[in-house]
Protein backbone atom coordinates (compact mmCIF):
# COMPACT_ATOMS: atom_id res chain seq x y z
CA MET A 1 -13.24 36.31 -183.21
CA ASN A 2 -10.13 38.00 -183.61
CA CYS A 3 -7.82 34.76 -182.13
CA THR A 4 -4.47 36.45 -182.71
CA ARG A 5 -5.35 39.15 -180.24
CA LEU A 6 -5.51 36.70 -177.53
CA LEU A 7 -2.24 35.71 -177.01
CA GLY A 8 -0.99 36.75 -173.74
CA LEU A 9 -4.49 38.11 -172.42
CA VAL A 10 -5.77 34.34 -170.89
CA THR A 11 -3.52 31.17 -170.48
CA LEU A 12 -2.11 29.71 -173.61
CA THR A 13 -4.76 27.07 -173.62
CA ALA A 14 -7.97 29.13 -173.21
CA VAL A 15 -6.36 30.85 -176.19
CA LEU A 16 -6.05 27.66 -178.46
CA ALA A 17 -9.85 26.49 -177.17
CA ALA A 18 -11.37 30.08 -178.26
CA CYS A 19 -9.62 29.90 -181.52
CA GLY A 20 -10.97 26.32 -182.65
CA GLN A 21 -7.56 24.28 -181.85
CA SER A 22 -7.34 21.11 -179.22
CA PRO A 23 -5.14 22.08 -176.38
CA SER A 24 -2.38 19.62 -178.19
CA ALA A 25 -2.62 21.67 -181.29
CA GLN A 26 0.75 23.46 -182.24
CA LEU A 27 0.92 26.49 -183.57
CA SER A 28 3.74 27.80 -186.18
CA ALA A 29 7.22 27.64 -184.98
CA ASP A 30 8.58 30.25 -182.97
CA ALA A 31 6.22 33.08 -184.68
CA ALA A 32 3.10 34.31 -183.26
CA PRO A 33 0.70 35.71 -185.51
CA ALA A 34 1.33 38.88 -187.09
CA SER A 35 -1.00 40.77 -184.90
CA ALA A 36 0.42 39.24 -182.18
CA PRO A 37 2.98 40.35 -179.11
CA ALA A 38 6.08 39.31 -180.13
CA PHE A 39 8.65 37.41 -178.25
CA VAL A 40 12.23 36.13 -178.24
CA PRO A 41 12.22 33.07 -180.84
CA GLY A 42 13.30 29.65 -179.01
CA GLU A 43 13.43 31.10 -175.14
CA LEU A 44 11.02 30.66 -172.64
CA LEU A 45 10.77 31.91 -168.83
CA VAL A 46 9.96 29.33 -166.54
CA GLN A 47 9.00 29.33 -162.96
CA LEU A 48 9.50 26.61 -161.15
CA ASN A 49 7.79 25.42 -158.05
CA GLY A 50 8.63 25.95 -154.78
CA GLY A 51 10.44 24.03 -152.24
CA LEU A 52 12.25 21.73 -154.84
CA SER A 53 15.75 20.76 -154.98
CA SER A 54 18.42 22.41 -156.67
CA GLN A 55 18.26 19.03 -159.16
CA SER A 56 15.15 20.48 -160.52
CA VAL A 57 17.34 22.72 -162.81
CA THR A 58 19.11 19.92 -164.15
CA ALA A 59 15.80 17.59 -164.50
CA LEU A 60 14.26 20.58 -166.83
CA SER A 61 16.77 18.81 -169.61
CA SER A 62 14.35 15.75 -169.95
CA LEU A 63 11.39 18.12 -170.73
CA GLY A 64 13.63 19.82 -173.66
CA VAL A 65 14.89 22.93 -172.04
CA GLN A 66 18.28 24.23 -170.90
CA SER A 67 18.47 27.46 -168.34
CA LEU A 68 20.63 30.11 -169.16
CA GLU A 69 20.05 31.99 -166.38
CA THR A 70 18.20 32.33 -162.84
CA LEU A 71 16.31 36.06 -162.93
CA SER A 72 15.10 35.67 -159.41
CA THR A 73 13.31 33.42 -156.39
CA VAL A 74 9.64 34.10 -156.39
CA ASN A 75 7.15 31.72 -153.95
CA GLY A 76 10.50 29.66 -153.31
CA GLY A 77 10.81 28.66 -156.65
CA ALA A 78 13.75 29.73 -159.27
CA LEU A 79 12.78 31.85 -162.15
CA LEU A 80 15.04 31.12 -164.81
CA ARG A 81 15.33 32.22 -168.59
CA ALA A 82 15.54 28.74 -170.48
CA ARG A 83 16.49 27.99 -174.20
CA ILE A 84 14.05 25.30 -175.77
CA THR A 85 16.15 21.94 -176.71
CA ASP A 86 13.76 19.92 -178.43
CA GLY A 87 13.00 22.16 -181.66
CA GLN A 88 9.24 22.39 -180.38
CA ASP A 89 7.83 25.97 -180.91
CA VAL A 90 7.36 28.81 -178.06
CA LEU A 91 3.81 28.33 -177.40
CA THR A 92 3.63 24.52 -177.39
CA LYS A 93 6.54 24.09 -175.23
CA ALA A 94 4.92 26.73 -172.58
CA ARG A 95 1.99 24.84 -172.62
CA HIS A 96 3.71 21.34 -172.41
CA LEU A 97 6.13 22.52 -169.62
CA ALA A 98 3.16 24.10 -167.56
CA SER A 99 1.77 20.72 -167.42
CA SER A 100 4.83 19.24 -165.30
CA ALA A 101 5.06 19.01 -161.80
CA LEU A 102 8.49 20.77 -161.59
CA VAL A 103 6.75 24.13 -163.05
CA ARG A 104 4.50 27.19 -161.75
CA PHE A 105 4.26 28.77 -165.37
CA ALA A 106 6.28 28.77 -168.20
CA GLU A 107 5.68 31.59 -170.95
CA PRO A 108 7.59 33.58 -173.72
CA ASN A 109 10.06 36.19 -173.17
CA TRP A 110 8.34 38.59 -174.33
CA VAL A 111 9.68 41.91 -176.41
CA TYR A 112 8.48 45.41 -175.59
CA GLN A 113 9.11 48.83 -177.70
CA HIS A 114 8.78 52.04 -176.10
CA GLN A 115 5.28 54.13 -176.58
CA ALA A 116 6.85 56.96 -178.20
CA THR A 117 6.54 58.55 -181.90
CA ALA A 118 8.94 61.48 -182.80
CA THR A 119 7.79 64.77 -184.51
CA ASP A 120 10.56 67.36 -185.62
CA THR A 121 9.96 70.61 -184.44
CA TYR A 122 11.16 75.73 -173.62
CA PHE A 123 8.89 77.37 -170.64
CA GLN A 124 9.01 80.89 -171.72
CA ASP A 125 8.19 80.80 -174.99
CA GLY A 126 5.00 78.87 -174.67
CA THR A 127 6.66 75.69 -175.81
CA LEU A 128 6.61 73.42 -172.74
CA TRP A 129 2.52 73.27 -172.22
CA GLY A 130 2.82 70.19 -170.20
CA MET A 131 3.93 72.21 -167.50
CA TYR A 132 1.55 74.91 -167.44
CA GLY A 133 -1.32 75.99 -165.15
CA ASP A 134 -4.51 77.64 -165.94
CA GLY A 135 -2.95 80.09 -163.26
CA SER A 136 0.70 80.35 -164.80
CA THR A 137 2.76 82.51 -166.97
CA PRO A 138 2.10 81.31 -169.77
CA ALA A 139 -0.72 79.58 -168.92
CA ASN A 140 -2.60 76.62 -169.85
CA ALA A 141 -5.53 74.65 -168.10
CA TYR A 142 -4.74 71.38 -169.59
CA GLY A 143 -1.04 71.12 -168.39
CA SER A 144 -0.08 69.17 -165.46
CA GLN A 145 0.02 72.15 -163.16
CA ALA A 146 3.73 71.56 -162.24
CA ALA A 147 4.06 75.67 -162.59
CA GLU A 148 1.36 76.10 -160.05
CA ALA A 149 3.13 73.94 -157.88
CA TRP A 150 6.27 75.47 -157.95
CA ALA A 151 4.88 79.10 -157.14
CA ALA A 152 3.42 77.20 -154.06
CA GLY A 153 7.13 75.99 -152.95
CA HIS A 154 6.99 72.66 -154.17
CA VAL A 155 9.89 72.09 -156.54
CA GLY A 156 10.70 68.46 -155.59
CA SER A 157 13.78 66.77 -153.18
CA ASP A 158 16.79 65.23 -154.13
CA SER A 159 15.82 62.59 -151.22
CA VAL A 160 12.98 61.21 -153.59
CA TYR A 161 14.38 58.41 -156.07
CA VAL A 162 12.99 57.42 -159.53
CA GLY A 163 13.66 54.52 -161.30
CA ILE A 164 13.37 54.81 -165.30
CA ILE A 165 13.38 51.58 -166.63
CA ASP A 166 13.44 52.68 -170.50
CA GLU A 167 16.60 53.01 -172.60
CA GLY A 168 19.51 54.47 -170.99
CA TYR A 169 19.66 58.53 -170.46
CA GLN A 170 22.25 61.05 -170.87
CA PHE A 171 23.11 61.70 -167.48
CA ASP A 172 25.71 64.28 -168.59
CA HIS A 173 22.91 66.62 -170.08
CA PRO A 174 22.79 69.98 -169.23
CA ASP A 175 19.24 69.54 -167.84
CA LEU A 176 20.01 66.42 -166.07
CA LYS A 177 23.27 66.28 -164.84
CA GLY A 178 22.18 67.94 -161.52
CA ASN A 179 19.17 65.26 -160.71
CA ALA A 180 21.41 62.09 -162.33
CA TRP A 181 22.36 59.28 -159.66
CA LEU A 182 25.99 58.51 -158.51
CA ASN A 183 26.20 55.36 -156.33
CA PRO A 184 27.52 56.16 -153.39
CA TYR A 185 27.80 52.42 -152.32
CA ASP A 186 29.90 51.09 -155.68
CA ALA A 187 32.69 53.14 -156.50
CA LEU A 188 34.36 52.75 -160.21
CA ASP A 189 36.74 50.05 -159.06
CA GLY A 190 36.14 46.93 -160.69
CA LEU A 191 34.74 45.34 -157.81
CA ASP A 192 31.07 44.84 -156.50
CA ASN A 193 31.67 46.89 -153.29
CA ASP A 194 27.63 46.52 -152.37
CA GLY A 195 27.53 42.57 -153.29
CA ASN A 196 24.12 43.53 -155.36
CA GLY A 197 26.12 41.93 -158.25
CA PHE A 198 26.58 44.35 -160.54
CA VAL A 199 30.38 45.70 -160.54
CA ASP A 200 30.26 49.63 -160.69
CA ASP A 201 26.60 50.26 -161.46
CA THR A 202 27.86 53.83 -160.82
CA ARG A 203 24.57 55.37 -162.69
CA GLY A 204 22.13 52.27 -162.48
CA TRP A 205 22.62 48.90 -165.38
CA ASP A 206 22.22 48.41 -168.78
CA PHE A 207 20.52 45.02 -168.89
CA ALA A 208 20.16 45.26 -172.27
CA ASN A 209 23.94 44.58 -172.86
CA ASN A 210 24.42 43.50 -169.56
CA ASP A 211 27.33 46.15 -168.20
CA ASN A 212 27.28 49.47 -166.44
CA THR A 213 27.42 51.72 -169.41
CA VAL A 214 23.37 52.81 -169.34
CA TYR A 215 24.28 55.62 -171.70
CA ASP A 216 25.59 54.36 -175.41
CA GLY A 217 25.03 57.50 -176.92
CA GLY A 218 24.47 56.10 -180.34
CA THR A 219 27.30 53.57 -180.18
CA ARG A 220 25.10 50.40 -180.07
CA GLY A 221 22.24 51.37 -182.82
CA SER A 222 20.35 53.31 -179.78
CA LEU A 223 21.02 57.18 -179.41
CA ASP A 224 18.91 56.50 -175.85
CA ALA A 225 16.79 59.62 -177.10
CA HIS A 226 13.66 57.80 -175.77
CA GLY A 227 15.09 57.44 -172.05
CA THR A 228 16.67 60.94 -171.92
CA HIS A 229 13.25 62.49 -173.07
CA VAL A 230 11.52 60.71 -170.09
CA ALA A 231 14.11 62.20 -167.78
CA GLY A 232 13.85 65.38 -169.32
CA THR A 233 9.90 65.46 -168.12
CA ILE A 234 10.42 63.83 -164.79
CA GLY A 235 13.06 65.84 -163.78
CA GLY A 236 14.86 68.52 -166.06
CA THR A 237 16.69 71.20 -163.52
CA ALA A 238 15.29 74.71 -163.33
CA ASN A 239 16.58 77.91 -164.42
CA ASP A 240 19.37 76.84 -166.56
CA GLY A 241 17.71 77.26 -170.39
CA GLY A 242 16.25 74.26 -172.04
CA VAL A 243 13.76 72.45 -170.44
CA VAL A 244 12.39 71.96 -166.93
CA GLY A 245 10.65 68.62 -165.19
CA VAL A 246 8.01 68.14 -163.20
CA ASN A 247 10.32 68.12 -160.49
CA HIS A 248 13.37 70.78 -160.30
CA ASN A 249 15.08 68.33 -157.63
CA VAL A 250 14.54 64.62 -157.65
CA THR A 251 17.07 61.89 -158.16
CA PHE A 252 16.73 59.32 -161.23
CA ILE A 253 18.37 55.76 -161.92
CA SER A 254 18.57 54.00 -164.90
CA GLY A 255 17.51 51.00 -165.27
CA LYS A 256 18.25 50.58 -169.40
CA PHE A 257 16.36 47.32 -170.71
CA LEU A 258 15.51 48.91 -174.25
CA GLY A 259 17.88 48.47 -177.18
CA ARG A 260 18.02 49.13 -180.63
CA ASN A 261 15.11 45.86 -180.84
CA GLY A 262 13.25 46.71 -177.99
CA GLY A 263 13.26 44.69 -174.73
CA THR A 264 12.65 41.49 -173.24
CA SER A 265 10.68 40.38 -170.13
CA ALA A 266 13.79 38.96 -168.85
CA ASN A 267 15.53 42.01 -168.99
CA ALA A 268 12.42 44.24 -167.47
CA ILE A 269 11.97 41.31 -164.54
CA LYS A 270 15.88 42.16 -163.84
CA ALA A 271 15.19 46.09 -163.97
CA VAL A 272 12.33 46.17 -161.34
CA ASN A 273 14.48 43.81 -159.16
CA TYR A 274 17.39 46.07 -159.40
CA PHE A 275 15.44 48.71 -158.18
CA THR A 276 13.45 46.73 -155.55
CA ASP A 277 16.94 45.45 -154.37
CA LEU A 278 18.41 49.18 -154.00
CA LYS A 279 15.54 49.77 -151.81
CA THR A 280 15.90 47.26 -149.44
CA ARG A 281 19.59 46.87 -149.32
CA HIS A 282 20.41 50.79 -148.98
CA GLY A 283 17.27 51.92 -147.70
CA LEU A 284 16.82 54.51 -150.73
CA ASN A 285 13.71 56.31 -150.97
CA ILE A 286 12.82 54.96 -154.48
CA VAL A 287 8.81 55.83 -154.76
CA ALA A 288 8.22 55.15 -158.36
CA LEU A 289 9.45 53.16 -161.68
CA ASN A 290 8.57 54.93 -164.93
CA ASN A 291 7.58 52.43 -167.64
CA SER A 292 6.93 54.41 -170.91
CA TRP A 293 6.76 51.00 -172.83
CA GLY A 294 4.46 47.92 -173.61
CA GLY A 295 3.75 45.45 -176.55
CA GLY A 296 4.04 42.18 -174.94
CA GLY A 297 1.75 39.68 -173.66
CA PHE A 298 0.57 39.35 -170.23
CA SER A 299 3.75 37.90 -168.23
CA GLN A 300 2.87 35.95 -164.73
CA ALA A 301 6.50 36.50 -164.08
CA LEU A 302 6.68 40.29 -164.63
CA LEU A 303 3.63 40.86 -162.73
CA ASP A 304 5.52 38.72 -159.59
CA ALA A 305 8.42 41.16 -159.96
CA ILE A 306 6.16 44.41 -159.80
CA VAL A 307 4.48 42.67 -156.81
CA SER A 308 7.40 42.02 -155.04
CA ALA A 309 8.35 46.13 -155.85
CA ALA A 310 4.52 47.06 -155.01
CA LYS A 311 5.48 45.43 -151.11
CA GLN A 312 8.41 47.91 -150.85
CA ASN A 313 6.08 50.72 -151.73
CA ILE A 314 7.29 51.11 -155.06
CA LEU A 315 4.54 52.73 -157.22
CA PHE A 316 5.02 51.30 -161.09
CA VAL A 317 3.79 54.12 -163.96
CA ALA A 318 2.91 52.96 -167.12
CA ALA A 319 1.92 53.95 -170.49
CA ALA A 320 -1.43 52.79 -171.70
CA GLY A 321 -0.10 52.31 -175.05
CA ASN A 322 -0.37 54.29 -178.69
CA SER A 323 -2.81 51.86 -180.83
CA GLY A 324 -6.05 53.98 -180.03
CA THR A 325 -7.66 51.12 -178.54
CA ASP A 326 -10.03 50.15 -175.64
CA ASN A 327 -7.66 48.33 -172.65
CA ASP A 328 -10.50 47.36 -171.25
CA SER A 329 -11.57 45.10 -174.25
CA THR A 330 -8.04 44.20 -175.23
CA ALA A 331 -5.49 44.14 -172.45
CA SER A 332 -2.57 45.86 -173.07
CA TYR A 333 0.63 45.33 -170.71
CA PRO A 334 2.22 46.28 -168.39
CA SER A 335 -0.16 48.94 -168.10
CA ASN A 336 -2.83 46.40 -167.61
CA TYR A 337 -1.25 44.55 -164.28
CA ASP A 338 -3.08 44.88 -160.77
CA THR A 339 -1.16 44.11 -158.06
CA THR A 340 -4.19 44.10 -155.50
CA ALA A 341 -3.77 40.52 -155.24
CA GLY A 342 -0.30 39.71 -154.41
CA ALA A 343 0.30 43.10 -152.55
CA GLY A 344 -2.83 44.53 -150.87
CA TYR A 345 -3.13 47.32 -153.11
CA ASP A 346 -2.78 48.48 -156.89
CA SER A 347 0.56 49.81 -157.51
CA VAL A 348 0.33 50.51 -161.16
CA ILE A 349 -1.07 53.93 -162.83
CA ALA A 350 -1.94 53.64 -166.00
CA VAL A 351 -1.70 56.62 -168.59
CA ALA A 352 -3.28 58.28 -171.19
CA ALA A 353 -2.01 61.13 -173.17
CA ILE A 354 -3.82 64.35 -174.03
CA ASP A 355 -3.28 67.20 -176.21
CA LYS A 356 -3.05 70.82 -175.17
CA THR A 357 -6.44 71.46 -175.87
CA GLY A 358 -7.37 68.61 -173.28
CA ALA A 359 -8.52 66.43 -176.48
CA LEU A 360 -7.68 62.56 -175.91
CA ALA A 361 -4.92 61.98 -178.20
CA SER A 362 -5.81 60.09 -181.39
CA PHE A 363 -3.25 57.30 -180.77
CA SER A 364 -3.74 57.24 -177.33
CA GLN A 365 -5.08 53.74 -175.48
CA TYR A 366 -7.91 54.31 -172.86
CA GLY A 367 -9.93 52.26 -170.46
CA ALA A 368 -12.56 53.00 -168.16
CA THR A 369 -11.92 50.76 -165.66
CA THR A 370 -7.86 49.79 -166.59
CA VAL A 371 -6.53 53.24 -167.44
CA ASP A 372 -6.44 55.42 -164.72
CA LEU A 373 -6.00 59.30 -165.52
CA GLY A 374 -4.85 61.46 -168.47
CA ALA A 375 -1.66 63.61 -168.73
CA PRO A 376 -0.21 65.86 -171.39
CA GLY A 377 1.38 63.59 -174.18
CA VAL A 378 1.48 65.78 -177.76
CA ALA A 379 4.33 68.45 -178.96
CA ILE A 380 6.17 67.54 -175.63
CA MET A 381 9.37 69.39 -175.52
CA SER A 382 12.14 67.80 -173.77
CA SER A 383 16.01 66.42 -173.33
CA VAL A 384 17.36 64.38 -175.77
CA PRO A 385 21.36 63.13 -176.48
CA TYR A 386 23.98 65.21 -177.30
CA ASN A 387 22.96 67.89 -175.20
CA LYS A 388 19.90 68.86 -177.40
CA TYR A 389 15.94 68.99 -177.25
CA SER A 390 12.79 67.65 -179.47
CA SER A 391 9.24 67.25 -179.21
CA TYR A 392 7.68 63.77 -178.79
CA ASN A 393 4.22 62.31 -178.84
CA GLY A 394 2.84 59.66 -177.17
CA THR A 395 1.94 57.91 -173.93
CA SER A 396 5.49 57.54 -173.23
CA MET A 397 5.62 61.46 -172.71
CA ALA A 398 2.29 61.67 -170.35
CA THR A 399 3.69 58.71 -168.24
CA PRO A 400 6.90 60.55 -167.03
CA HIS A 401 4.37 63.94 -166.05
CA VAL A 402 2.52 61.48 -163.28
CA THR A 403 5.79 60.02 -162.55
CA GLY A 404 7.20 63.27 -161.63
CA GLY A 405 3.95 63.73 -160.03
CA VAL A 406 4.66 60.85 -157.93
CA ALA A 407 7.93 62.15 -157.05
CA LEU A 408 6.56 65.59 -156.37
CA TYR A 409 3.98 64.14 -153.89
CA ALA A 410 6.45 61.91 -152.31
CA SER A 411 8.67 65.28 -151.50
CA THR A 412 5.88 67.22 -149.75
CA HIS A 413 4.26 64.34 -148.36
CA PRO A 414 7.74 62.15 -146.54
CA GLY A 415 6.70 58.67 -145.29
CA ALA A 416 3.62 58.41 -147.18
CA THR A 417 2.69 54.80 -148.60
CA ALA A 418 2.44 54.20 -152.39
CA ALA A 419 -1.22 53.15 -151.64
CA ALA A 420 -1.51 56.83 -150.22
CA ILE A 421 0.40 58.53 -153.11
CA ARG A 422 -1.22 56.53 -155.66
CA GLN A 423 -4.50 57.72 -154.26
CA ALA A 424 -3.39 61.43 -153.81
CA VAL A 425 -2.84 61.56 -157.44
CA LEU A 426 -5.81 59.74 -158.82
CA ALA A 427 -7.99 61.76 -156.30
CA ALA A 428 -6.63 65.07 -157.34
CA ALA A 429 -7.31 64.56 -161.35
CA VAL A 430 -9.55 67.22 -163.06
CA PRO A 431 -12.69 66.30 -164.56
CA THR A 432 -11.94 66.22 -168.51
CA THR A 433 -14.74 65.89 -170.82
CA SER A 434 -12.31 63.79 -173.33
CA LEU A 435 -11.80 61.25 -170.34
CA SER A 436 -15.03 61.08 -169.19
CA GLY A 437 -16.12 57.30 -169.41
CA LYS A 438 -12.36 56.81 -171.18
CA THR A 439 -10.34 56.49 -167.70
CA VAL A 440 -10.97 55.17 -164.36
CA THR A 441 -11.32 59.27 -163.08
CA GLY A 442 -12.31 60.41 -166.20
CA GLY A 443 -9.75 63.39 -165.95
CA ARG A 444 -6.39 64.64 -166.02
CA LEU A 445 -3.32 64.99 -163.97
CA ASN A 446 -3.25 67.82 -161.54
CA VAL A 447 0.29 68.01 -159.41
CA SER A 448 -1.23 70.93 -157.65
CA GLY A 449 -4.16 69.84 -156.09
CA PHE A 450 -2.20 67.35 -153.86
């Protein structure tokens, strides 16, 4: 048995048991095995049981942890990011805390990475194949069929909002500025005008650096290229040179949590909660969150946040992953989450990548019961920082095609529930040989079939 790959897939106690260790055994300090998901050394996410007094946070100090911040309140209990103070390693401390009457669960603060690879290499010249259909000019039957939707007059709507949980994106890029959100509820004046806890979140929020500068343009070691590329596929504007996205009209908001060294569970949770709050606080028609990242283990805290978003009719579109493995056998998060138990329907859409011949990409993860459909993810041209364009590969690139499809459906079916949108997207999938037995639908994205 490959014990290292079990981490994050089941309970810590079960991991130790499956690997021939007793539940009291300790793993190496602050270091998961090499092939296991990475986490932040010395930190945990701790969910307190509901109904406990405010003194419970202080009482945790006797258990060897110190609260660093409160991320949210779930089921009446505070979700904390905490530092270990007694020298125990992360996995052992999580197991010990879980046995306390104060604690609902404790888990590592997982580290995630984006799911893309760059290749150095628009619509008219044949490059933007992911937007084509079998009846468009140029044509490619394995594209998203977006061009055929446009021909029918379906080009999206600015009243449909999408959250991009990723790196930041260049909101003044020529192909993005027309669809970039400018917060009407919080002017750039040094005040938290709408009382959501974020001062001057005019374009969204940078949870990686805890400031309102969602686009850093390389000043902090991250060019925000990945997030900018994702945004261009969802909603690059039309007829202005460069590229065009699945939607000519849409509004995207940045929830930046990936930086130079990836992103953490804690910051991903903050980003999801930020969008849920924007929808409930202001009534914004946020229909989906794009999540072109992965790599961490199972997180109950993140799943709780996704469930809360699902209850507000927000879909969670996620990259299946780039390791070429079967997600039915070895779960990949966040794409393997299922919100049915908590929200009454599954808000997650997991996306594999195909190439321009319809083949499953060699790198793409798959799963007959856990990956929903395929979408263009090889040689995908889109926007990148400094007003430029580049071609990337990855399930990261397939995912925003599907998120774009969700937004396009929402624009033509106002008031549709998230569950209905999800069902429509999956029902429209075109049967594809390479995806048969490899995805739930056995097919590829078809945005003209809604």
